[in-house]
C-alpha atoms as a PDB file:
ATOM      1  CA  MET A   1      19.506  22.923  15.744  1.00  0.00           C
ATOM      2  CA  THR A   2      22.420  20.512  15.457  1.00  0.00           C
ATOM      3  CA  ASP A   3      25.203  21.119  12.924  1.00  0.00           C
ATOM      4  CA  ILE A   4      23.751  18.605  10.461  1.00  0.00           C
ATOM      5  CA  LEU A   5      20.304  20.202  10.654  1.00  0.00           C
ATOM      6  CA  ASN A   6      21.806  23.636  10.096  1.00  0.00           C
ATOM      7  CA  LYS A   7      23.585  22.328   6.992  1.00  0.00           C
ATOM      8  CA  ILE A   8      20.427  20.690   5.673  1.00  0.00           C
ATOM      9  CA  ILE A   9      18.308  23.800   6.190  1.00  0.00           C
ATOM     10  CA  ALA A  10      20.925  25.966   4.465  1.00  0.00           C
ATOM     11  CA  VAL A  11      20.797  23.635   1.447  1.00  0.00           C
ATOM     12  CA  LYS A  12      16.976  23.705   1.498  1.00  0.00           C
ATOM     13  CA  ARG A  13      16.977  27.489   1.259  1.00  0.00           C
ATOM     14  CA  GLU A  14      19.228  27.277  -1.797  1.00  0.00           C
ATOM     15  CA  GLU A  15      17.041  24.583  -3.371  1.00  0.00           C
ATOM     16  CA  ILE A  16      13.869  26.606  -2.827  1.00  0.00           C
ATOM     17  CA  ALA A  17      15.420  29.730  -4.315  1.00  0.00           C
ATOM     18  CA  ALA A  18      16.514  27.760  -7.401  1.00  0.00           C
ATOM     19  CA  ALA A  19      13.091  26.097  -7.734  1.00  0.00           C
ATOM     20  CA  LYS A  20      11.322  29.460  -7.646  1.00  0.00           C
ATOM     21  CA  GLN A  21      13.372  30.558 -10.635  1.00  0.00           C
ATOM     22  CA  LYS A  22      11.933  27.643 -12.606  1.00  0.00           C
ATOM     23  CA  ILE A  23       8.350  27.649 -11.293  1.00  0.00           C
ATOM     24  CA  SER A  24       6.913  30.740  -9.650  1.00  0.00           C
ATOM     25  CA  PRO A  25       5.095  30.369  -6.298  1.00  0.00           C
ATOM     26  CA  GLU A  26       1.869  31.505  -7.958  1.00  0.00           C
ATOM     27  CA  VAL A  27       2.026  28.878 -10.708  1.00  0.00           C
ATOM     28  CA  LEU A  28       3.004  26.146  -8.277  1.00  0.00           C
ATOM     29  CA  ARG A  29       0.212  27.025  -5.875  1.00  0.00           C
ATOM     30  CA  ALA A  30      -2.368  26.944  -8.671  1.00  0.00           C
ATOM     31  CA  ASP A  31      -1.112  23.535  -9.754  1.00  0.00           C
ATOM     32  CA  ALA A  32      -1.230  22.188  -6.191  1.00  0.00           C
ATOM     33  CA  GLU A  33      -4.742  23.479  -5.616  1.00  0.00           C
ATOM     34  CA  SER A  34      -5.936  21.825  -8.823  1.00  0.00           C
ATOM     35  CA  ARG A  35      -4.934  18.375  -7.539  1.00  0.00           C
ATOM     36  CA  VAL A  36      -8.017  17.611  -5.502  1.00  0.00           C
ATOM     37  CA  ILE A  37      -7.736  13.807  -5.239  1.00  0.00           C
ATOM     38  CA  VAL A  38      -5.904  13.316  -1.955  1.00  0.00           C
ATOM     39  CA  ARG A  39      -5.597   9.902  -0.317  1.00  0.00           C
ATOM     40  CA  ASP A  40      -6.664   9.924   3.331  1.00  0.00           C
ATOM     41  CA  PHE A  41      -3.404   9.348   5.176  1.00  0.00           C
ATOM     42  CA  VAL A  42      -4.679   9.659   8.744  1.00  0.00           C
ATOM     43  CA  GLY A  43      -7.830   7.733   7.844  1.00  0.00           C
ATOM     44  CA  ALA A  44      -5.740   4.814   6.549  1.00  0.00           C
ATOM     45  CA  MET A  45      -3.755   4.769   9.795  1.00  0.00           C
ATOM     46  CA  ARG A  46      -6.844   4.855  11.985  1.00  0.00           C
ATOM     47  CA  ALA A  47      -8.526   2.117   9.925  1.00  0.00           C
ATOM     48  CA  LYS A  48      -5.637  -0.281  10.567  1.00  0.00           C
ATOM     49  CA  ILE A  49      -5.786   0.399  14.292  1.00  0.00           C
ATOM     50  CA  ALA A  50      -9.567   0.007  14.372  1.00  0.00           C
ATOM     51  CA  ASN A  51      -9.145  -3.453  12.829  1.00  0.00           C
ATOM     52  CA  GLY A  52      -6.719  -4.480  15.547  1.00  0.00           C
ATOM     53  CA  HIS A  53      -3.542  -4.111  13.480  1.00  0.00           C
ATOM     54  CA  ALA A  54      -0.510  -1.904  13.905  1.00  0.00           C
ATOM     55  CA  ALA A  55      -0.599   1.114  11.602  1.00  0.00           C
ATOM     56  CA  VAL A  56       2.771   1.158   9.870  1.00  0.00           C
ATOM     57  CA  ILE A  57       4.210   4.018   7.844  1.00  0.00           C
ATOM     58  CA  ALA A  58       6.772   2.100   5.802  1.00  0.00           C
ATOM     59  CA  GLU A  59       9.696   4.109   4.556  1.00  0.00           C
ATOM     60  CA  VAL A  60      11.181   4.185   1.073  1.00  0.00           C
ATOM     61  CA  LYS A  61      14.731   5.362   1.716  1.00  0.00           C
ATOM     62  CA  LYS A  62      17.895   4.768  -0.255  1.00  0.00           C
ATOM     63  CA  ALA A  63      20.494   6.337   2.050  1.00  0.00           C
ATOM     64  CA  SER A  64      21.093   8.463   5.134  1.00  0.00           C
ATOM     65  CA  PRO A  65      23.830  10.930   6.168  1.00  0.00           C
ATOM     66  CA  SER A  66      25.058   8.664   8.968  1.00  0.00           C
ATOM     67  CA  LYS A  67      24.762   5.223   7.303  1.00  0.00           C
ATOM     68  CA  GLY A  68      25.426   6.063   3.660  1.00  0.00           C
ATOM     69  CA  VAL A  69      23.684   3.889   1.075  1.00  0.00           C
ATOM     70  CA  ILE A  70      21.262   1.551   2.831  1.00  0.00           C
ATOM     71  CA  ARG A  71      19.836  -0.209  -0.206  1.00  0.00           C
ATOM     72  CA  GLU A  72      21.911  -0.621  -3.355  1.00  0.00           C
ATOM     73  CA  ASP A  73      19.155  -2.397  -5.288  1.00  0.00           C
ATOM     74  CA  PHE A  74      16.717   0.489  -5.005  1.00  0.00           C
ATOM     75  CA  ASP A  75      13.463   0.577  -6.973  1.00  0.00           C
ATOM     76  CA  ALA A  76      10.884   2.871  -5.385  1.00  0.00           C
ATOM     77  CA  ALA A  77       7.923   1.311  -7.213  1.00  0.00           C
ATOM     78  CA  ASP A  78       8.883  -2.270  -6.338  1.00  0.00           C
ATOM     79  CA  ILE A  79       9.473  -1.349  -2.697  1.00  0.00           C
ATOM     80  CA  ALA A  80       6.105   0.404  -2.456  1.00  0.00           C
ATOM     81  CA  GLN A  81       4.325  -2.599  -3.996  1.00  0.00           C
ATOM     82  CA  SER A  82       6.062  -4.910  -1.553  1.00  0.00           C
ATOM     83  CA  TYR A  83       4.876  -2.817   1.387  1.00  0.00           C
ATOM     84  CA  ALA A  84       1.331  -2.721   0.027  1.00  0.00           C
ATOM     85  CA  LEU A  85       1.241  -6.519  -0.359  1.00  0.00           C
ATOM     86  CA  GLY A  86       2.949  -7.422   2.908  1.00  0.00           C
ATOM     87  CA  ASN A  87       2.649 -11.169   3.405  1.00  0.00           C
ATOM     88  CA  THR A  88      -0.251 -11.594   0.953  1.00  0.00           C
ATOM     89  CA  ALA A  89       1.829 -13.562  -1.545  1.00  0.00           C
ATOM     90  CA  ALA A  90       3.173 -15.871   1.159  1.00  0.00           C
ATOM     91  CA  ILE A  91      -0.355 -16.605   2.416  1.00  0.00           C
ATOM     92  CA  MET A  92      -1.629 -17.302  -1.085  1.00  0.00           C
ATOM     93  CA  LYS A  93       1.302 -19.613  -1.746  1.00  0.00           C
ATOM     94  CA  ALA A  94       0.732 -21.467   1.509  1.00  0.00           C
ATOM     95  CA  GLU A  95      -2.947 -21.970   0.690  1.00  0.00           C
ATOM     96  CA  LYS A  96      -2.192 -22.749  -2.965  1.00  0.00           C
ATOM     97  CA  THR A  97      -5.144 -20.723  -4.123  1.00  0.00           C
ATOM     98  CA  GLY A  98      -5.638 -17.592  -6.118  1.00  0.00           C
ATOM     99  CA  LYS A  99      -8.357 -16.386  -3.775  1.00  0.00           C
ATOM    100  CA  LEU A 100      -8.039 -15.282  -0.184  1.00  0.00           C
ATOM    101  CA  SER A 101     -10.494 -16.630   2.342  1.00  0.00           C
ATOM    102  CA  ASP A 102     -11.783 -14.379   5.102  1.00  0.00           C
ATOM    103  CA  ALA A 103      -9.517 -16.202   7.545  1.00  0.00           C
ATOM    104  CA  ALA A 104      -6.512 -15.599   5.308  1.00  0.00           C
ATOM    105  CA  LYS A 105      -7.380 -11.942   4.865  1.00  0.00           C
ATOM    106  CA  ALA A 106      -7.353 -11.538   8.638  1.00  0.00           C
ATOM    107  CA  LYS A 107      -3.721 -12.722   8.643  1.00  0.00           C
ATOM    108  CA  ILE A 108      -2.533 -10.213   6.064  1.00  0.00           C
ATOM    109  CA  ILE A 109      -0.102  -7.673   7.497  1.00  0.00           C
ATOM    110  CA  SER A 110       0.849  -4.774   5.256  1.00  0.00           C
ATOM    111  CA  ALA A 111       1.698  -1.088   5.442  1.00  0.00           C
ATOM    112  CA  ALA A 112      -0.988   1.487   6.122  1.00  0.00           C
ATOM    113  CA  CYS A 113       0.948   4.266   4.389  1.00  0.00           C
ATOM    114  CA  LEU A 114       4.292   5.092   2.799  1.00  0.00           C
ATOM    115  CA  SER A 115       6.988   7.610   3.657  1.00  0.00           C
ATOM    116  CA  VAL A 116       9.266   8.549   0.765  1.00  0.00           C
ATOM    117  CA  LEU A 117      12.529  10.471   1.147  1.00  0.00           C
ATOM    118  CA  THR A 118      12.869  13.168  -1.493  1.00  0.00           C
ATOM    119  CA  ASP A 119      15.964  14.993  -0.196  1.00  0.00           C
ATOM    120  CA  ARG A 120      18.717  14.668  -2.790  1.00  0.00           C
ATOM    121  CA  GLN A 121      21.936  15.823  -1.148  1.00  0.00           C
ATOM    122  CA  PHE A 122      21.738  14.088   2.228  1.00  0.00           C
ATOM    123  CA  PHE A 123      19.469  11.073   1.611  1.00  0.00           C
ATOM    124  CA  GLN A 124      19.971  10.450  -2.128  1.00  0.00           C
ATOM    125  CA  GLY A 125      16.229  10.859  -2.618  1.00  0.00           C
ATOM    126  CA  GLU A 126      14.299  12.197  -5.594  1.00  0.00           C
ATOM    127  CA  PRO A 127      10.806  13.646  -6.102  1.00  0.00           C
ATOM    128  CA  ASP A 128      10.405  10.990  -8.792  1.00  0.00           C
ATOM    129  CA  PHE A 129      10.758   8.300  -6.115  1.00  0.00           C
ATOM    130  CA  LEU A 130       7.570   9.614  -4.518  1.00  0.00           C
ATOM    131  CA  LYS A 131       5.746   9.759  -7.840  1.00  0.00           C
ATOM    132  CA  LEU A 132       6.789   6.209  -8.738  1.00  0.00           C
ATOM    133  CA  ALA A 133       5.933   4.803  -5.318  1.00  0.00           C
ATOM    134  CA  ARG A 134       2.497   6.411  -5.241  1.00  0.00           C
ATOM    135  CA  ALA A 135       1.651   5.354  -8.797  1.00  0.00           C
ATOM    136  CA  SER A 136       2.549   1.734  -8.061  1.00  0.00           C
ATOM    137  CA  CYS A 137      -0.002   1.174  -5.278  1.00  0.00           C
ATOM    138  CA  GLU A 138      -3.010   2.712  -3.556  1.00  0.00           C
ATOM    139  CA  LEU A 139      -1.349   3.630  -0.261  1.00  0.00           C
ATOM    140  CA  PRO A 140      -1.315   7.266   0.902  1.00  0.00           C
ATOM    141  CA  VAL A 141       2.164   8.798   0.777  1.00  0.00           C
ATOM    142  CA  LEU A 142       4.068  11.110   3.105  1.00  0.00           C
ATOM    143  CA  ARG A 143       6.754  13.303   1.570  1.00  0.00           C
ATOM    144  CA  LYS A 144       9.650  13.045   4.008  1.00  0.00           C
ATOM    145  CA  ASP A 145      11.818  16.111   3.584  1.00  0.00           C
ATOM    146  CA  PHE A 146      12.755  19.227   5.511  1.00  0.00           C
ATOM    147  CA  MET A 147       9.900  21.697   5.170  1.00  0.00           C
ATOM    148  CA  ILE A 148      10.677  25.330   5.916  1.00  0.00           C
ATOM    149  CA  GLU A 149       8.474  27.287   3.463  1.00  0.00           C
ATOM    150  CA  PRO A 150       4.917  27.013   2.086  1.00  0.00           C
ATOM    151  CA  TYR A 151       6.466  26.683  -1.386  1.00  0.00           C
ATOM    152  CA  GLN A 152       7.545  23.153  -0.421  1.00  0.00           C
ATOM    153  CA  ILE A 153       4.031  22.252   0.705  1.00  0.00           C
ATOM    154  CA  TYR A 154       2.604  23.244  -2.689  1.00  0.00           C
ATOM    155  CA  GLU A 155       5.491  21.387  -4.317  1.00  0.00           C
ATOM    156  CA  SER A 156       4.630  18.294  -2.278  1.00  0.00           C
ATOM    157  CA  ARG A 157       0.985  18.288  -3.354  1.00  0.00           C
ATOM    158  CA  SER A 158       2.004  18.873  -6.978  1.00  0.00           C
ATOM    159  CA  MET A 159       4.205  15.776  -6.921  1.00  0.00           C
ATOM    160  CA  GLY A 160       1.366  13.756  -5.408  1.00  0.00           C
ATOM    161  CA  ALA A 161       2.117  13.707  -1.675  1.00  0.00           C
ATOM    162  CA  ASP A 162      -0.887  13.156   0.570  1.00  0.00           C
ATOM    163  CA  CYS A 163       0.873  14.155   3.790  1.00  0.00           C
ATOM    164  CA  ILE A 164       3.858  16.235   4.836  1.00  0.00           C
ATOM    165  CA  LEU A 165       6.348  16.101   7.702  1.00  0.00           C
ATOM    166  CA  LEU A 166       7.035  19.062   9.984  1.00  0.00           C
ATOM    167  CA  ILE A 167      10.155  18.657  12.132  1.00  0.00           C
ATOM    168  CA  ALA A 168       9.846  20.813  15.239  1.00  0.00           C
ATOM    169  CA  ALA A 169      13.633  21.003  15.620  1.00  0.00           C
ATOM    170  CA  CYS A 170      13.862  22.830  12.265  1.00  0.00           C
ATOM    171  CA  LEU A 171      11.012  25.299  12.778  1.00  0.00           C
ATOM    172  CA  ASP A 172       9.841  28.006  15.133  1.00  0.00           C
ATOM    173  CA  ASP A 173       6.243  28.120  16.358  1.00  0.00           C
ATOM    174  CA  ALA A 174       5.062  30.572  13.692  1.00  0.00           C
ATOM    175  CA  GLN A 175       6.617  28.523  10.886  1.00  0.00           C
ATOM    176  CA  MET A 176       5.017  25.318  12.139  1.00  0.00           C
ATOM    177  CA  ALA A 177       1.599  26.966  12.331  1.00  0.00           C
ATOM    178  CA  ASP A 178       1.901  28.490   8.847  1.00  0.00           C
ATOM    179  CA  LEU A 179       3.052  25.253   7.242  1.00  0.00           C
ATOM    180  CA  GLN A 180       0.369  23.237   8.985  1.00  0.00           C
ATOM    181  CA  ALA A 181      -2.308  25.685   7.809  1.00  0.00           C
ATOM    182  CA  CYS A 182      -0.989  25.508   4.256  1.00  0.00           C
ATOM    183  CA  ALA A 183      -1.099  21.700   4.222  1.00  0.00           C
ATOM    184  CA  LEU A 184      -4.586  21.590   5.728  1.00  0.00           C
ATOM    185  CA  SER A 185      -5.821  24.053   3.080  1.00  0.00           C
ATOM    186  CA  LEU A 186      -4.806  21.451   0.483  1.00  0.00           C
ATOM    187  CA  ASP A 187      -6.585  18.660   2.410  1.00  0.00           C
ATOM    188  CA  MET A 188      -3.229  17.045   3.223  1.00  0.00           C
ATOM    189  CA  GLY A 189      -2.284  15.171   6.352  1.00  0.00           C
ATOM    190  CA  VAL A 190       0.390  16.535   8.695  1.00  0.00           C
ATOM    191  CA  LEU A 191       2.877  14.596  10.821  1.00  0.00           C
ATOM    192  CA  VAL A 192       4.576  16.832  13.388  1.00  0.00           C
ATOM    193  CA  GLU A 193       7.797  15.254  14.631  1.00  0.00           C
ATOM    194  CA  VAL A 194       9.306  15.957  18.059  1.00  0.00           C
ATOM    195  CA  HIS A 195      12.361  14.630  19.862  1.00  0.00           C
ATOM    196  CA  ASP A 196      11.931  15.854  23.434  1.00  0.00           C
ATOM    197  CA  ARG A 197       9.439  17.311  25.879  1.00  0.00           C
ATOM    198  CA  ALA A 198      10.164  20.938  24.966  1.00  0.00           C
ATOM    199  CA  GLU A 199       9.368  20.228  21.314  1.00  0.00           C
ATOM    200  CA  LEU A 200       6.270  18.283  22.377  1.00  0.00           C
ATOM    201  CA  GLU A 201       4.947  21.290  24.279  1.00  0.00           C
ATOM    202  CA  ARG A 202       5.450  23.453  21.190  1.00  0.00           C
ATOM    203  CA  ALA A 203       3.787  20.925  18.890  1.00  0.00           C
ATOM    204  CA  LEU A 204       0.728  20.675  21.120  1.00  0.00           C
ATOM    205  CA  LYS A 205       0.101  24.396  20.629  1.00  0.00           C
ATOM    206  CA  LEU A 206      -0.723  23.732  16.984  1.00  0.00           C
ATOM    207  CA  LYS A 207      -4.287  23.419  15.787  1.00  0.00           C
ATOM    208  CA  ASN A 208      -5.538  19.947  16.627  1.00  0.00           C
ATOM    209  CA  VAL A 209      -7.400  18.409  13.692  1.00  0.00           C
ATOM    210  CA  PRO A 210      -7.689  14.700  14.620  1.00  0.00           C
ATOM    211  CA  SER A 211      -8.748  13.694  11.122  1.00  0.00           C
ATOM    212  CA  LYS A 212      -5.689  15.292   9.508  1.00  0.00           C
ATOM    213  CA  THR A 213      -2.897  15.692  12.056  1.00  0.00           C
ATOM    214  CA  MET A 214      -0.568  13.260  13.795  1.00  0.00           C
ATOM    215  CA  LEU A 215       2.174  13.557  16.370  1.00  0.00           C
ATOM    216  CA  GLY A 216       5.423  11.702  15.778  1.00  0.00           C
ATOM    217  CA  ILE A 217       7.879  11.068  18.600  1.00  0.00           C
ATOM    218  CA  ASN A 218      11.336  10.262  17.266  1.00  0.00           C
ATOM    219  CA  ASN A 219      13.272   8.036  19.642  1.00  0.00           C
ATOM    220  CA  ARG A 220      16.615   9.233  18.266  1.00  0.00           C
ATOM    221  CA  ASN A 221      18.477  11.929  20.190  1.00  0.00           C
ATOM    222  CA  LEU A 222      19.502  14.559  17.627  1.00  0.00           C
ATOM    223  CA  ARG A 223      22.706  15.407  19.450  1.00  0.00           C
ATOM    224  CA  THR A 224      24.034  12.006  20.525  1.00  0.00           C
ATOM    225  CA  PHE A 225      22.134   9.926  17.931  1.00  0.00           C
ATOM    226  CA  ASP A 226      21.377   7.404  20.692  1.00  0.00           C
ATOM    227  CA  VAL A 227      18.028   5.657  20.306  1.00  0.00           C
ATOM    228  CA  THR A 228      15.756   4.592  23.138  1.00  0.00           C
ATOM    229  CA  LEU A 229      12.064   3.699  23.109  1.00  0.00           C
ATOM    230  CA  ASP A 230      11.818   5.365  26.505  1.00  0.00           C
ATOM    231  CA  THR A 231      11.640   8.675  24.625  1.00  0.00           C
ATOM    232  CA  THR A 232       8.155   7.832  23.377  1.00  0.00           C
ATOM    233  CA  LEU A 233       7.053   6.086  26.556  1.00  0.00           C
ATOM    234  CA  SER A 234       8.149   8.946  28.822  1.00  0.00           C
ATOM    235  CA  MET A 235       5.920  11.446  26.982  1.00  0.00           C
ATOM    236  CA  LEU A 236       2.765   9.370  26.559  1.00  0.00           C
ATOM    237  CA  ALA A 237       0.935  10.906  29.499  1.00  0.00           C
ATOM    238  CA  ASP A 238       1.203  14.364  27.921  1.00  0.00           C
ATOM    239  CA  VAL A 239      -0.277  13.395  24.545  1.00  0.00           C
ATOM    240  CA  PRO A 240      -4.021  14.111  24.125  1.00  0.00           C
ATOM    241  CA  LYS A 241      -6.103  10.945  23.770  1.00  0.00           C
ATOM    242  CA  ASP A 242      -7.551  11.991  20.415  1.00  0.00           C
ATOM    243  CA  LYS A 243      -4.114  12.614  18.890  1.00  0.00           C
ATOM    244  CA  LEU A 244      -2.788   9.837  16.663  1.00  0.00           C
ATOM    245  CA  LEU A 245       0.689   9.122  18.032  1.00  0.00           C
ATOM    246  CA  VAL A 246       3.386   7.650  15.788  1.00  0.00           C
ATOM    247  CA  THR A 247       6.568   6.267  17.323  1.00  0.00           C
ATOM    248  CA  GLU A 248       9.640   6.625  15.095  1.00  0.00           C
ATOM    249  CA  SER A 249      13.120   5.011  15.114  1.00  0.00           C
ATOM    250  CA  GLY A 250      14.359   2.068  17.144  1.00  0.00           C
ATOM    251  CA  ILE A 251      11.634  -0.432  16.234  1.00  0.00           C
ATOM    252  CA  LEU A 252      13.833  -3.436  15.481  1.00  0.00           C
ATOM    253  CA  THR A 253      12.221  -6.524  17.026  1.00  0.00           C
ATOM    254  CA  ARG A 254       8.810  -7.975  17.796  1.00  0.00           C
ATOM    255  CA  ALA A 255       9.568  -7.256  21.444  1.00  0.00           C
ATOM    256  CA  ASP A 256       9.914  -3.556  20.570  1.00  0.00           C
ATOM    257  CA  VAL A 257       6.554  -3.637  18.809  1.00  0.00           C
ATOM    258  CA  GLN A 258       4.898  -5.459  21.695  1.00  0.00           C
ATOM    259  CA  ARG A 259       6.345  -3.052  24.236  1.00  0.00           C
ATOM    260  CA  MET A 260       4.805  -0.129  22.373  1.00  0.00           C
ATOM    261  CA  ARG A 261       1.458  -1.819  21.794  1.00  0.00           C
ATOM    262  CA  ASP A 262       1.265  -2.774  25.472  1.00  0.00           C
ATOM    263  CA  ALA A 263       1.592   0.960  26.160  1.00  0.00           C
ATOM    264  CA  ASN A 264      -1.291   1.657  23.729  1.00  0.00           C
ATOM    265  CA  VAL A 265       0.959   2.969  20.947  1.00  0.00           C
ATOM    266  CA  HIS A 266      -0.240   1.382  17.723  1.00  0.00           C
ATOM    267  CA  ALA A 267       1.287   3.578  14.975  1.00  0.00           C
ATOM    268  CA  PHE A 268       4.856   3.186  13.789  1.00  0.00           C
ATOM    269  CA  LEU A 269       7.247   4.704  11.248  1.00  0.00           C
ATOM    270  CA  VAL A 270       9.923   2.189  10.262  1.00  0.00           C
ATOM    271  CA  GLY A 271      12.478   2.405   7.487  1.00  0.00           C
ATOM    272  CA  GLU A 272      16.019   1.125   7.747  1.00  0.00           C
ATOM    273  CA  THR A 273      15.048  -2.298   9.098  1.00  0.00           C
ATOM    274  CA  PHE A 274      12.913  -2.943   6.013  1.00  0.00           C
ATOM    275  CA  MET A 275      15.308  -1.354   3.541  1.00  0.00           C
ATOM    276  CA  ARG A 276      18.003  -3.881   4.435  1.00  0.00           C
ATOM    277  CA  ALA A 277      15.678  -6.845   3.848  1.00  0.00           C
ATOM    278  CA  ASN A 278      15.443  -8.715   0.544  1.00  0.00           C
ATOM    279  CA  GLU A 279      11.653  -8.339   0.549  1.00  0.00           C
ATOM    280  CA  PRO A 280      10.681  -5.201   2.524  1.00  0.00           C
ATOM    281  CA  GLY A 281       6.971  -6.040   2.716  1.00  0.00           C
ATOM    282  CA  LEU A 282       7.609  -9.524   4.075  1.00  0.00           C
ATOM    283  CA  ALA A 283      10.042  -8.094   6.634  1.00  0.00           C
ATOM    284  CA  LEU A 284       7.277  -5.709   7.708  1.00  0.00           C
ATOM    285  CA  ALA A 285       4.807  -8.570   8.099  1.00  0.00           C
ATOM    286  CA  GLU A 286       7.278 -10.613  10.137  1.00  0.00           C
ATOM    287  CA  LEU A 287       8.099  -7.704  12.448  1.00  0.00           C
ATOM    288  CA  PHE A 288       4.448  -6.880  13.102  1.00  0.00           C
ATOM    289  CA  ALA A 289       3.070 -10.443  13.135  1.00  0.00           C
END
């Protein structure tokens, strides 16, 4: 792991230990298992693709360790609603009607799912951001945080998350398998994120459940922080055809989107580009038009 990942994981261990003093693992697990209404994250992604659209996981993120505060005017619920609407309002305004025709509906571009940062110390996130975002719309929600123990998976389901992120760079093979199994037992989706071919090989050893698991390839080099879309493109041939592949980082222009879609990559996780826009949902629609 890089120095920043080591620091983050050390903080996570402290946070988990403190959380267990407030809510025991047994109580938390019982609460998580009682929350049986889970939105189908992977299903929502596949539905977008089946309809000919890009499947976008739109990120709700206030800050990052490298960029600091990204969005000063931060309202998780408003941002989530904007992503869910996409360009719907603009189409309705253009047609000057309160009803959408079938032709207009075909032009609507909106997020398939949300990703909400809940890490406090490094990303200025909050669990409440996830709760507010999910309550404000009907989109499935990924909890984006640094998962290292099953306790966090139960915590995620208790706060309403429908999907969790597993970062291969932070976990060994046994940890990844245990955390995946825990999430699947709660009917949650799982996005396994890799940065290079070695991590890809490890991720592909995990149980493949096409209806619940996804593979994310992050185009950012963890050591240099350089970003290149070639990271995703260079590993495509090694990804099983039934695996839903999500490309992450570096999607900035329509040309970037088209390059990926030409390579048969139709799922995207995008955050910072939208967070800097006045209307995140409209920025999403414009990027993926």
